[in-house]
Amino acid sequence: MTKLDPARTQAYKQPQSVLVVIYNPLGQILLLERADKPGFWQSVTGSFETGEQPIQTARREVHEETSIRLAPHALQNWHASCCYEIYAHWRHRYAPGVTHNTEHFFSACIPADSQISLSTREHLRWGWYDRQEAAEKVFSPSNADAIRQLPQHWHIPAKFSAA
């Protein structure tokens, strides 16, 4: 159950989230620049909502942040997660005393010419970056690690491959 603080108008975020590394058949990584922290780039991320499973959160967050509706089997569940300390400037979003978050990893391959429409409340701009540049550009160490590990989870659907 999500905790509420009577002084807050929103429920606290759950300390469980997803990170979805989106890439295209050219091997480029999609990154988004945060609206609340300009200069902070990341993959698609987001916290669980009450009753959600990780894969549901991943699909919802990809759509909310990019407007992309992934095909049924496009999302690759890495069956991996990490626990990290929540940055101090974002701890107010969580219940008092919550200091760590568990992040679950996913990836998805989409066409390089996919129409991307950002949630402007969350992100300022987006771009495709080669894997090394993307790993260096993201602010989160777990995001950088996921980008470096992407080749172990690479899955380019046949419909995207050259004939």
Protein backbone atom coordinates (compact mmCIF):
# COMPACT_ATOMS: atom_id res chain seq x y z
CA MET A 1 0.00 0.00 0.00
CA THR A 2 1.31 3.46 -0.84
CA LYS A 3 1.81 5.67 2.21
CA LEU A 4 0.25 9.11 2.40
CA ASP A 5 1.35 12.17 4.36
CA PRO A 6 -1.61 14.43 5.26
CA ALA A 7 0.48 17.48 4.26
CA ARG A 8 1.17 16.04 0.80
CA THR A 9 -1.21 16.09 -2.15
CA GLN A 10 0.48 13.05 -3.74
CA ALA A 11 1.32 9.57 -2.50
CA TYR A 12 4.96 8.79 -1.82
CA LYS A 13 6.84 6.99 -4.56
CA GLN A 14 7.48 3.32 -4.00
CA PRO A 15 11.18 2.44 -3.66
CA GLN A 16 10.89 -0.03 -6.57
CA SER A 17 11.50 1.10 -10.13
CA VAL A 18 12.40 0.05 -13.65
CA LEU A 19 15.09 1.17 -16.05
CA VAL A 20 14.44 0.48 -19.74
CA VAL A 21 17.36 0.81 -22.15
CA ILE A 22 15.81 1.57 -25.54
CA TYR A 23 18.00 1.02 -28.59
CA ASN A 24 17.62 0.85 -32.35
CA PRO A 25 18.90 -1.67 -34.92
CA LEU A 26 21.90 0.62 -35.58
CA GLY A 27 22.99 0.05 -31.97
CA GLN A 28 22.18 3.58 -30.82
CA ILE A 29 20.75 4.23 -27.35
CA LEU A 30 17.79 6.55 -26.71
CA LEU A 31 18.44 9.04 -23.89
CA LEU A 32 16.11 11.60 -22.33
CA GLU A 33 17.10 14.84 -20.57
CA ARG A 34 15.28 15.38 -17.27
CA ALA A 35 13.10 18.48 -16.97
CA ASP A 36 13.64 18.77 -13.21
CA LYS A 37 17.43 18.50 -13.57
CA PRO A 38 18.58 19.92 -16.93
CA GLY A 39 21.81 18.30 -18.01
CA PHE A 40 20.85 14.98 -16.36
CA TRP A 41 20.37 12.38 -19.09
CA GLN A 42 18.89 8.93 -18.60
CA SER A 43 17.11 5.97 -20.12
CA VAL A 44 13.39 5.51 -19.48
CA THR A 45 12.85 5.05 -15.73
CA GLY A 46 9.96 5.06 -13.34
CA SER A 47 8.57 3.81 -10.07
CA PHE A 48 6.04 1.06 -9.58
CA GLU A 49 2.44 2.03 -9.02
CA THR A 50 0.34 0.09 -6.54
CA GLY A 51 -0.25 -3.48 -7.69
CA GLU A 52 2.06 -3.32 -10.72
CA GLN A 53 4.57 -5.96 -11.68
CA PRO A 54 7.95 -4.82 -13.10
CA ILE A 55 7.01 -5.56 -16.72
CA GLN A 56 3.78 -3.56 -16.40
CA THR A 57 5.73 -0.61 -14.98
CA ALA A 58 8.28 -0.85 -17.81
CA ARG A 59 5.59 -0.79 -20.52
CA ARG A 60 3.70 2.06 -18.83
CA GLU A 61 6.82 4.18 -18.33
CA VAL A 62 8.00 3.73 -21.94
CA HIS A 63 4.61 4.93 -23.16
CA GLU A 64 4.28 7.79 -20.64
CA GLU A 65 7.79 9.14 -21.28
CA THR A 66 8.11 8.62 -25.06
CA SER A 67 4.56 7.87 -26.36
CA ILE A 68 5.90 4.57 -27.75
CA ARG A 69 3.62 1.56 -27.42
CA LEU A 70 5.88 -1.47 -27.47
CA ALA A 71 4.84 -4.56 -29.40
CA PRO A 72 3.90 -7.50 -27.14
CA HIS A 73 7.30 -9.22 -27.26
CA ALA A 74 9.50 -6.14 -27.74
CA LEU A 75 10.34 -5.72 -24.07
CA GLN A 76 13.27 -7.83 -22.85
CA ASN A 77 13.19 -8.60 -19.13
CA TRP A 78 16.77 -9.00 -17.91
CA HIS A 79 15.61 -10.67 -14.69
CA ALA A 80 18.18 -8.50 -12.94
CA SER A 81 18.01 -5.65 -10.47
CA CYS A 82 20.22 -3.51 -8.28
CA CYS A 83 19.72 -1.57 -5.09
CA TYR A 84 21.08 1.96 -4.92
CA GLU A 85 20.95 4.91 -2.56
CA ILE A 86 18.38 7.51 -3.62
CA TYR A 87 19.98 10.88 -4.36
CA ALA A 88 19.32 13.32 -1.50
CA HIS A 89 17.59 15.84 -3.82
CA TRP A 90 14.93 13.23 -4.69
CA ARG A 91 14.34 11.68 -1.24
CA HIS A 92 11.40 14.01 -0.50
CA ARG A 93 9.41 11.96 -3.02
CA TYR A 94 9.65 8.89 -0.77
CA ALA A 95 8.26 8.13 2.67
CA PRO A 96 10.38 9.40 5.57
CA GLY A 97 13.32 7.10 6.25
CA VAL A 98 13.38 5.56 2.75
CA THR A 99 16.93 5.89 1.43
CA HIS A 100 17.30 3.04 -1.10
CA ASN A 101 15.54 1.93 -4.27
CA THR A 102 15.52 -1.40 -6.09
CA GLU A 103 15.74 -0.94 -9.86
CA HIS A 104 14.72 -3.69 -12.33
CA PHE A 105 16.33 -3.79 -15.80
CA PHE A 106 14.69 -4.12 -19.21
CA SER A 107 15.54 -3.26 -22.80
CA ALA A 108 13.66 -2.84 -26.06
CA CYS A 109 14.67 -2.42 -29.69
CA ILE A 110 12.63 0.06 -31.71
CA PRO A 111 13.04 1.39 -35.26
CA ALA A 112 15.49 4.29 -35.55
CA ASP A 113 12.78 6.42 -37.16
CA SER A 114 10.23 5.86 -34.37
CA GLN A 115 8.09 8.87 -33.53
CA ILE A 116 9.05 10.00 -30.04
CA SER A 117 6.87 12.46 -28.19
CA LEU A 118 8.18 13.38 -24.74
CA SER A 119 6.23 14.00 -21.59
CA THR A 120 7.32 17.64 -21.26
CA ARG A 121 6.60 17.57 -17.54
CA GLU A 122 9.38 14.97 -17.22
CA HIS A 123 11.83 15.56 -20.08
CA LEU A 124 13.21 18.42 -22.15
CA ARG A 125 14.68 16.61 -25.15
CA TRP A 126 15.86 13.27 -26.43
CA GLY A 127 18.57 11.89 -28.67
CA TRP A 128 20.17 8.75 -30.07
CA TYR A 129 23.75 8.10 -28.90
CA ASP A 130 26.29 5.39 -29.57
CA ARG A 131 26.70 3.02 -26.64
CA GLN A 132 29.96 4.46 -25.29
CA GLU A 133 28.75 8.06 -25.48
CA ALA A 134 25.42 7.09 -23.87
CA ALA A 135 27.17 5.32 -20.97
CA GLU A 136 29.30 8.42 -20.38
CA LYS A 137 26.37 10.87 -20.73
CA VAL A 138 23.93 9.36 -18.21
CA PHE A 139 24.14 10.63 -14.62
CA SER A 140 23.22 7.35 -12.94
CA PRO A 141 25.92 4.69 -12.42
CA SER A 142 23.31 1.91 -12.67
CA ASN A 143 22.09 3.35 -16.00
CA ALA A 144 25.68 3.47 -17.31
CA ASP A 145 26.22 -0.15 -16.21
CA ALA A 146 23.00 -1.24 -17.93
CA ILE A 147 24.06 0.44 -21.18
CA ARG A 148 27.44 -1.33 -21.01
CA GLN A 149 25.68 -4.66 -20.39
CA LEU A 150 23.21 -4.19 -23.25
CA PRO A 151 25.09 -6.47 -25.73
CA GLN A 152 24.34 -9.42 -23.41
CA HIS A 153 20.62 -8.70 -23.92
CA TRP A 154 20.72 -7.55 -27.53
CA HIS A 155 17.66 -8.64 -29.49
CA ILE A 156 17.03 -7.05 -32.86
CA PRO A 157 13.77 -8.40 -34.33
CA ALA A 158 14.07 -9.89 -37.81
CA LYS A 159 11.66 -7.28 -39.17
CA PHE A 160 14.31 -4.61 -38.41
CA SER A 161 17.20 -6.51 -40.02
CA ALA A 162 18.39 -5.73 -43.53
CA ALA A 163 17.07 -8.15 -46.14
